[in-house]
Amino acid sequence: LEKVRDLFKPFARSYLNICKKQGKGFFGLRDYYSLIKMIFAVAKTSQQKPTPEEIVKAVLRNFSGKDNVNAVSVFTQRLQITPNLENISTIDFVKENLQAVGQEEECRYLLVLTKNYAALKILQQTFFSERGQPEILFD
């Protein structure tokens, strides 16, 4: 708890800022709660305060997907951190989520939105094996 205690207030203020910017319905307390759980898990595993990059990864996992809200900017400004964003990639997030064995309590369901199923074939060829097929839903 001591390793993350000073993050609570800036996280809460950043979350409220995002809620004001995006309006109702997209992000909610579930996203905030999941962010806190992820940060706790990182601190517990490393026995260190989370790095700026670890914080940004958790923010992206929980507060991305809405084009008019730059959650990373909101959180990094409030926390006064400057993470190295070069090593953070979307494809790595997908890989981590698909390979998250034993991390069910920290992982959220992965939702990939595409137009005309453009990414579906790429994901199938890149990640899925005969024994590890995901459930694919069409709307």
N, C-alpha and C. Protein backbone atom coordinates (compact mmCIF):
# COMPACT_ATOMS: atom_id res chain seq x y z
N LEU A 1 0.83 -1.20 0.00
CA LEU A 1 0.00 0.00 0.00
C LEU A 1 0.87 1.26 0.00
N GLU A 2 1.97 1.21 0.72
CA GLU A 2 2.84 2.39 0.80
C GLU A 2 3.41 2.78 -0.56
N LYS A 3 3.60 1.80 -1.43
CA LYS A 3 4.21 2.06 -2.74
C LYS A 3 3.26 2.76 -3.70
N VAL A 4 1.95 2.69 -3.42
CA VAL A 4 0.97 3.29 -4.33
C VAL A 4 0.10 4.36 -3.67
N ARG A 5 0.28 4.57 -2.39
CA ARG A 5 -0.57 5.50 -1.64
C ARG A 5 -0.62 6.89 -2.27
N ASP A 6 0.53 7.40 -2.70
CA ASP A 6 0.56 8.77 -3.25
C ASP A 6 -0.04 8.87 -4.65
N LEU A 7 -0.45 7.75 -5.23
CA LEU A 7 -1.07 7.77 -6.56
C LEU A 7 -2.59 7.94 -6.49
N PHE A 8 -3.20 7.64 -5.35
CA PHE A 8 -4.66 7.65 -5.25
C PHE A 8 -5.29 8.99 -5.60
N LYS A 9 -4.80 10.05 -5.01
CA LYS A 9 -5.41 11.36 -5.23
C LYS A 9 -5.26 11.80 -6.70
N PRO A 10 -4.05 11.73 -7.29
CA PRO A 10 -3.96 12.12 -8.71
C PRO A 10 -4.76 11.20 -9.63
N PHE A 11 -4.83 9.92 -9.31
CA PHE A 11 -5.66 9.01 -10.12
C PHE A 11 -7.12 9.42 -10.06
N ALA A 12 -7.62 9.70 -8.86
CA ALA A 12 -9.02 10.08 -8.70
C ALA A 12 -9.32 11.38 -9.44
N ARG A 13 -8.43 12.34 -9.33
CA ARG A 13 -8.66 13.62 -10.03
C ARG A 13 -8.58 13.46 -11.54
N SER A 14 -7.67 12.63 -12.00
CA SER A 14 -7.58 12.36 -13.44
C SER A 14 -8.84 11.68 -13.94
N TYR A 15 -9.32 10.70 -13.17
CA TYR A 15 -10.55 10.00 -13.54
C TYR A 15 -11.72 10.98 -13.63
N LEU A 16 -11.86 11.86 -12.65
CA LEU A 16 -12.95 12.85 -12.68
C LEU A 16 -12.81 13.78 -13.87
N ASN A 17 -11.60 14.17 -14.20
CA ASN A 17 -11.34 15.02 -15.36
C ASN A 17 -11.78 14.32 -16.64
N ILE A 18 -11.45 13.05 -16.77
CA ILE A 18 -11.85 12.29 -17.96
C ILE A 18 -13.36 12.17 -18.03
N CYS A 19 -14.00 11.92 -16.90
CA CYS A 19 -15.47 11.81 -16.88
C CYS A 19 -16.12 13.11 -17.35
N LYS A 20 -15.57 14.24 -16.95
CA LYS A 20 -16.11 15.53 -17.38
C LYS A 20 -15.91 15.73 -18.88
N LYS A 21 -14.76 15.32 -19.40
CA LYS A 21 -14.46 15.51 -20.82
C LYS A 21 -15.29 14.62 -21.73
N GLN A 22 -15.51 13.38 -21.32
CA GLN A 22 -16.14 12.42 -22.23
C GLN A 22 -17.64 12.30 -22.06
N GLY A 23 -18.20 12.90 -21.06
CA GLY A 23 -19.63 12.78 -20.87
C GLY A 23 -19.99 11.44 -20.26
N LYS A 24 -21.25 11.13 -20.28
CA LYS A 24 -21.73 9.92 -19.62
C LYS A 24 -21.57 8.69 -20.50
N GLY A 25 -21.37 7.56 -19.83
CA GLY A 25 -21.55 6.30 -20.49
C GLY A 25 -20.36 5.53 -21.01
N PHE A 26 -19.25 6.16 -21.34
CA PHE A 26 -18.16 5.38 -21.93
C PHE A 26 -17.25 4.81 -20.86
N PHE A 27 -16.65 5.67 -20.05
CA PHE A 27 -15.81 5.21 -18.95
C PHE A 27 -16.60 5.31 -17.66
N GLY A 28 -16.33 4.39 -16.75
CA GLY A 28 -17.04 4.41 -15.48
C GLY A 28 -16.16 3.92 -14.35
N LEU A 29 -16.79 3.70 -13.21
CA LEU A 29 -16.06 3.27 -12.02
C LEU A 29 -15.38 1.92 -12.22
N ARG A 30 -15.94 1.08 -13.06
CA ARG A 30 -15.31 -0.22 -13.34
C ARG A 30 -13.92 -0.01 -13.94
N ASP A 31 -13.80 0.97 -14.83
CA ASP A 31 -12.50 1.27 -15.44
C ASP A 31 -11.51 1.78 -14.40
N TYR A 32 -11.99 2.66 -13.54
CA TYR A 32 -11.14 3.21 -12.48
C TYR A 32 -10.71 2.11 -11.51
N TYR A 33 -11.64 1.28 -11.11
CA TYR A 33 -11.35 0.18 -10.19
C TYR A 33 -10.32 -0.78 -10.81
N SER A 34 -10.48 -1.08 -12.08
CA SER A 34 -9.54 -1.96 -12.75
C SER A 34 -8.15 -1.33 -12.83
N LEU A 35 -8.09 -0.03 -13.04
CA LEU A 35 -6.81 0.68 -13.03
C LEU A 35 -6.12 0.50 -11.68
N ILE A 36 -6.85 0.72 -10.60
CA ILE A 36 -6.29 0.58 -9.25
C ILE A 36 -5.80 -0.85 -9.02
N LYS A 37 -6.60 -1.84 -9.42
CA LYS A 37 -6.20 -3.23 -9.26
C LYS A 37 -4.92 -3.53 -10.03
N MET A 38 -4.81 -3.01 -11.25
CA MET A 38 -3.61 -3.26 -12.05
C MET A 38 -2.38 -2.63 -11.41
N ILE A 39 -2.53 -1.42 -10.91
CA ILE A 39 -1.40 -0.74 -10.28
C ILE A 39 -0.98 -1.47 -9.00
N PHE A 40 -1.95 -1.95 -8.22
CA PHE A 40 -1.63 -2.74 -7.04
C PHE A 40 -0.88 -4.01 -7.44
N ALA A 41 -1.34 -4.69 -8.50
CA ALA A 41 -0.71 -5.93 -8.94
C ALA A 41 0.74 -5.68 -9.38
N VAL A 42 0.97 -4.58 -10.08
CA VAL A 42 2.33 -4.23 -10.51
C VAL A 42 3.23 -4.00 -9.30
N ALA A 43 2.74 -3.23 -8.34
CA ALA A 43 3.52 -2.92 -7.14
C ALA A 43 3.78 -4.18 -6.31
N LYS A 44 2.79 -5.05 -6.23
CA LYS A 44 2.94 -6.28 -5.46
C LYS A 44 3.97 -7.20 -6.10
N THR A 45 3.92 -7.32 -7.42
CA THR A 45 4.85 -8.19 -8.13
C THR A 45 6.28 -7.69 -8.05
N SER A 46 6.46 -6.40 -8.26
CA SER A 46 7.82 -5.84 -8.31
C SER A 46 8.35 -5.40 -6.95
N GLN A 47 7.45 -5.26 -5.97
CA GLN A 47 7.81 -4.72 -4.66
C GLN A 47 8.42 -3.32 -4.78
N GLN A 48 8.02 -2.61 -5.84
CA GLN A 48 8.50 -1.26 -6.11
C GLN A 48 7.30 -0.37 -6.44
N LYS A 49 7.53 0.92 -6.39
CA LYS A 49 6.52 1.85 -6.88
C LYS A 49 6.43 1.67 -8.39
N PRO A 50 5.23 1.68 -8.97
CA PRO A 50 5.11 1.52 -10.42
C PRO A 50 5.86 2.62 -11.17
N THR A 51 6.49 2.22 -12.26
CA THR A 51 7.22 3.18 -13.10
C THR A 51 6.22 3.99 -13.92
N PRO A 52 6.65 5.12 -14.47
CA PRO A 52 5.75 5.88 -15.35
C PRO A 52 5.22 5.04 -16.51
N GLU A 53 6.06 4.17 -17.07
CA GLU A 53 5.62 3.32 -18.18
C GLU A 53 4.56 2.32 -17.73
N GLU A 54 4.72 1.75 -16.55
CA GLU A 54 3.72 0.82 -16.02
C GLU A 54 2.40 1.53 -15.75
N ILE A 55 2.48 2.75 -15.26
CA ILE A 55 1.27 3.53 -15.02
C ILE A 55 0.56 3.81 -16.34
N VAL A 56 1.31 4.21 -17.36
CA VAL A 56 0.71 4.52 -18.66
C VAL A 56 0.07 3.27 -19.27
N LYS A 57 0.73 2.13 -19.15
CA LYS A 57 0.14 0.89 -19.67
C LYS A 57 -1.20 0.60 -18.99
N ALA A 58 -1.26 0.77 -17.69
CA ALA A 58 -2.51 0.53 -16.97
C ALA A 58 -3.58 1.54 -17.38
N VAL A 59 -3.18 2.79 -17.58
CA VAL A 59 -4.12 3.82 -18.03
C VAL A 59 -4.65 3.46 -19.42
N LEU A 60 -3.77 3.07 -20.32
CA LEU A 60 -4.20 2.72 -21.68
C LEU A 60 -5.11 1.50 -21.68
N ARG A 61 -4.83 0.53 -20.84
CA ARG A 61 -5.68 -0.66 -20.78
C ARG A 61 -7.10 -0.33 -20.30
N ASN A 62 -7.22 0.71 -19.51
CA ASN A 62 -8.52 1.00 -18.91
C ASN A 62 -9.21 2.25 -19.44
N PHE A 63 -8.47 3.14 -20.06
CA PHE A 63 -9.06 4.41 -20.50
C PHE A 63 -8.69 4.75 -21.95
N SER A 64 -8.61 3.76 -22.80
CA SER A 64 -8.38 4.07 -24.21
C SER A 64 -9.62 3.64 -24.99
N GLY A 65 -9.66 4.03 -26.24
CA GLY A 65 -10.78 3.63 -27.08
C GLY A 65 -11.72 4.76 -27.43
N LYS A 66 -11.51 5.91 -26.87
CA LYS A 66 -12.36 7.07 -27.19
C LYS A 66 -11.45 8.15 -27.77
N ASP A 67 -11.70 8.50 -29.02
CA ASP A 67 -10.81 9.40 -29.75
C ASP A 67 -10.71 10.80 -29.17
N ASN A 68 -11.76 11.30 -28.57
CA ASN A 68 -11.73 12.69 -28.09
C ASN A 68 -11.21 12.83 -26.65
N VAL A 69 -10.69 11.75 -26.07
CA VAL A 69 -10.14 11.80 -24.72
C VAL A 69 -8.71 11.24 -24.75
N ASN A 70 -7.74 12.09 -24.42
CA ASN A 70 -6.35 11.64 -24.33
C ASN A 70 -6.04 11.34 -22.86
N ALA A 71 -6.40 10.13 -22.45
CA ALA A 71 -6.26 9.75 -21.05
C ALA A 71 -4.81 9.77 -20.58
N VAL A 72 -3.90 9.38 -21.45
CA VAL A 72 -2.48 9.38 -21.07
C VAL A 72 -2.04 10.78 -20.69
N SER A 73 -2.42 11.75 -21.48
CA SER A 73 -2.06 13.14 -21.20
C SER A 73 -2.67 13.61 -19.88
N VAL A 74 -3.93 13.28 -19.66
CA VAL A 74 -4.61 13.68 -18.42
C VAL A 74 -3.89 13.12 -17.20
N PHE A 75 -3.58 11.82 -17.23
CA PHE A 75 -2.93 11.18 -16.09
C PHE A 75 -1.49 11.64 -15.91
N THR A 76 -0.72 11.72 -17.01
CA THR A 76 0.69 12.09 -16.87
C THR A 76 0.85 13.53 -16.40
N GLN A 77 -0.04 14.42 -16.85
CA GLN A 77 0.03 15.80 -16.37
C GLN A 77 -0.29 15.89 -14.88
N ARG A 78 -1.33 15.19 -14.47
CA ARG A 78 -1.72 15.23 -13.06
C ARG A 78 -0.65 14.59 -12.17
N LEU A 79 -0.04 13.51 -12.65
CA LEU A 79 0.99 12.82 -11.87
C LEU A 79 2.37 13.46 -12.01
N GLN A 80 2.49 14.36 -12.96
CA GLN A 80 3.76 15.03 -13.27
C GLN A 80 4.85 14.01 -13.57
N ILE A 81 4.54 13.10 -14.50
CA ILE A 81 5.50 12.09 -14.94
C ILE A 81 5.70 12.23 -16.45
N THR A 82 6.85 11.77 -16.90
CA THR A 82 7.17 11.79 -18.33
C THR A 82 7.62 10.39 -18.74
N PRO A 83 6.68 9.53 -19.11
CA PRO A 83 7.04 8.17 -19.48
C PRO A 83 7.64 8.10 -20.88
N ASN A 84 8.41 7.05 -21.12
CA ASN A 84 8.91 6.76 -22.45
C ASN A 84 7.83 5.95 -23.17
N LEU A 85 7.18 6.57 -24.15
CA LEU A 85 6.05 5.92 -24.83
C LEU A 85 6.48 5.10 -26.04
N GLU A 86 7.76 5.14 -26.40
CA GLU A 86 8.23 4.45 -27.60
C GLU A 86 8.06 2.94 -27.51
N ASN A 87 8.21 2.37 -26.33
CA ASN A 87 8.14 0.92 -26.18
C ASN A 87 6.75 0.40 -25.85
N ILE A 88 5.76 1.24 -25.94
CA ILE A 88 4.39 0.83 -25.64
C ILE A 88 3.64 0.70 -26.96
N SER A 89 3.21 -0.54 -27.27
CA SER A 89 2.53 -0.75 -28.56
C SER A 89 1.22 -1.50 -28.36
N THR A 90 0.29 -1.21 -29.23
CA THR A 90 -1.02 -1.84 -29.18
C THR A 90 -0.91 -3.34 -29.39
N ILE A 91 -0.07 -3.76 -30.32
CA ILE A 91 0.05 -5.19 -30.61
C ILE A 91 0.60 -5.93 -29.39
N ASP A 92 1.47 -5.29 -28.62
CA ASP A 92 1.96 -5.91 -27.39
C ASP A 92 0.84 -6.06 -26.36
N PHE A 93 -0.07 -5.09 -26.30
CA PHE A 93 -1.22 -5.20 -25.41
C PHE A 93 -2.07 -6.41 -25.79
N VAL A 94 -2.29 -6.58 -27.07
CA VAL A 94 -3.08 -7.72 -27.54
C VAL A 94 -2.39 -9.02 -27.16
N LYS A 95 -1.09 -9.11 -27.41
CA LYS A 95 -0.33 -10.32 -27.05
C LYS A 95 -0.41 -10.61 -25.56
N GLU A 96 -0.17 -9.59 -24.75
CA GLU A 96 -0.22 -9.77 -23.29
C GLU A 96 -1.58 -10.24 -22.83
N ASN A 97 -2.63 -9.70 -23.42
CA ASN A 97 -3.97 -10.08 -23.01
C ASN A 97 -4.28 -11.51 -23.40
N LEU A 98 -3.87 -11.90 -24.60
CA LEU A 98 -4.15 -13.25 -25.07
C LEU A 98 -3.33 -14.29 -24.32
N GLN A 99 -2.16 -13.92 -23.84
CA GLN A 99 -1.26 -14.86 -23.17
C GLN A 99 -1.29 -14.71 -21.65
N ALA A 100 -2.29 -14.09 -21.11
CA ALA A 100 -2.36 -13.77 -19.68
C ALA A 100 -2.77 -14.99 -18.86
N VAL A 101 -1.94 -15.99 -18.86
CA VAL A 101 -2.22 -17.20 -18.09
C VAL A 101 -1.98 -16.91 -16.62
N GLY A 102 -2.97 -17.24 -15.79
CA GLY A 102 -2.83 -17.05 -14.35
C GLY A 102 -3.01 -15.62 -13.89
N GLN A 103 -3.45 -14.74 -14.78
CA GLN A 103 -3.63 -13.34 -14.40
C GLN A 103 -5.08 -12.91 -14.57
N GLU A 104 -5.98 -13.84 -14.42
CA GLU A 104 -7.39 -13.55 -14.68
C GLU A 104 -7.91 -12.39 -13.84
N GLU A 105 -7.42 -12.25 -12.61
CA GLU A 105 -7.94 -11.18 -11.76
C GLU A 105 -7.46 -9.81 -12.20
N GLU A 106 -6.37 -9.72 -12.95
CA GLU A 106 -5.88 -8.43 -13.42
C GLU A 106 -6.29 -8.13 -14.86
N CYS A 107 -6.75 -9.13 -15.59
CA CYS A 107 -7.05 -8.93 -17.01
C CYS A 107 -8.52 -8.66 -17.23
N ARG A 108 -8.77 -7.79 -18.17
CA ARG A 108 -10.13 -7.53 -18.58
C ARG A 108 -10.30 -8.17 -19.94
N TYR A 109 -11.54 -8.39 -20.32
CA TYR A 109 -11.79 -8.97 -21.62
C TYR A 109 -11.27 -8.04 -22.70
N LEU A 110 -10.65 -8.63 -23.70
CA LEU A 110 -10.11 -7.86 -24.80
C LEU A 110 -11.20 -7.64 -25.84
N LEU A 111 -11.40 -6.41 -26.21
CA LEU A 111 -12.37 -6.06 -27.24
C LEU A 111 -11.62 -5.36 -28.35
N VAL A 112 -11.68 -5.93 -29.54
CA VAL A 112 -11.04 -5.33 -30.71
C VAL A 112 -12.13 -4.92 -31.67
N LEU A 113 -12.21 -3.64 -31.95
CA LEU A 113 -13.20 -3.12 -32.88
C LEU A 113 -12.54 -2.82 -34.22
N THR A 114 -13.14 -3.29 -35.29
CA THR A 114 -12.60 -3.03 -36.63
C THR A 114 -13.73 -2.66 -37.57
N LYS A 115 -13.36 -2.11 -38.69
CA LYS A 115 -14.33 -1.84 -39.75
C LYS A 115 -14.20 -2.94 -40.79
N ASN A 116 -15.31 -3.51 -41.18
CA ASN A 116 -15.33 -4.56 -42.20
C ASN A 116 -14.42 -5.73 -41.85
N TYR A 117 -14.27 -6.03 -40.58
CA TYR A 117 -13.47 -7.16 -40.11
C TYR A 117 -12.02 -7.10 -40.57
N ALA A 118 -11.50 -5.91 -40.80
CA ALA A 118 -10.15 -5.73 -41.35
C ALA A 118 -9.07 -6.40 -40.51
N ALA A 119 -9.17 -6.31 -39.21
CA ALA A 119 -8.10 -6.85 -38.36
C ALA A 119 -8.30 -8.31 -38.00
N LEU A 120 -9.47 -8.85 -38.25
CA LEU A 120 -9.77 -10.21 -37.82
C LEU A 120 -8.80 -11.22 -38.42
N LYS A 121 -8.59 -11.17 -39.71
CA LYS A 121 -7.69 -12.12 -40.38
C LYS A 121 -6.25 -11.96 -39.87
N ILE A 122 -5.83 -10.72 -39.67
CA ILE A 122 -4.48 -10.48 -39.16
C ILE A 122 -4.32 -11.08 -37.77
N LEU A 123 -5.29 -10.86 -36.91
CA LEU A 123 -5.24 -11.43 -35.55
C LEU A 123 -5.24 -12.95 -35.59
N GLN A 124 -6.08 -13.52 -36.44
CA GLN A 124 -6.14 -14.98 -36.54
C GLN A 124 -4.80 -15.55 -37.00
N GLN A 125 -4.20 -14.95 -37.99
CA GLN A 125 -2.93 -15.46 -38.51
C GLN A 125 -1.77 -15.22 -37.54
N THR A 126 -1.81 -14.14 -36.82
CA THR A 126 -0.70 -13.77 -35.94
C THR A 126 -0.73 -14.49 -34.61
N PHE A 127 -1.89 -14.64 -34.01
CA PHE A 127 -1.95 -15.09 -32.63
C PHE A 127 -2.59 -16.45 -32.38
N PHE A 128 -3.55 -16.82 -33.17
CA PHE A 128 -4.37 -17.95 -32.79
C PHE A 128 -3.84 -19.25 -33.38
N SER A 129 -3.78 -20.27 -32.54
CA SER A 129 -3.36 -21.59 -32.99
C SER A 129 -4.59 -22.49 -33.01
N GLU A 130 -4.39 -23.70 -33.48
CA GLU A 130 -5.52 -24.63 -33.56
C GLU A 130 -6.08 -24.93 -32.18
N ARG A 131 -5.24 -24.96 -31.16
CA ARG A 131 -5.73 -25.29 -29.81
C ARG A 131 -6.14 -24.06 -29.01
N GLY A 132 -5.89 -22.87 -29.51
CA GLY A 132 -6.20 -21.67 -28.76
C GLY A 132 -7.06 -20.68 -29.53
N GLN A 133 -8.21 -21.11 -29.98
CA GLN A 133 -9.10 -20.23 -30.73
C GLN A 133 -9.98 -19.43 -29.78
N PRO A 134 -10.04 -18.14 -29.97
CA PRO A 134 -10.91 -17.30 -29.13
C PRO A 134 -12.35 -17.37 -29.61
N GLU A 135 -13.21 -16.83 -28.80
CA GLU A 135 -14.61 -16.70 -29.20
C GLU A 135 -14.75 -15.38 -29.95
N ILE A 136 -15.28 -15.44 -31.17
CA ILE A 136 -15.43 -14.26 -32.01
C ILE A 136 -16.92 -13.97 -32.16
N LEU A 137 -17.32 -12.76 -31.80
CA LEU A 137 -18.71 -12.35 -31.88
C LEU A 137 -18.87 -11.31 -32.98
N PHE A 138 -19.94 -11.42 -33.74
CA PHE A 138 -20.23 -10.45 -34.78
C PHE A 138 -21.50 -9.69 -34.41
N ASP A 139 -21.49 -8.41 -34.69
CA ASP A 139 -22.66 -7.59 -34.39
C ASP A 139 -23.18 -7.00 -35.67
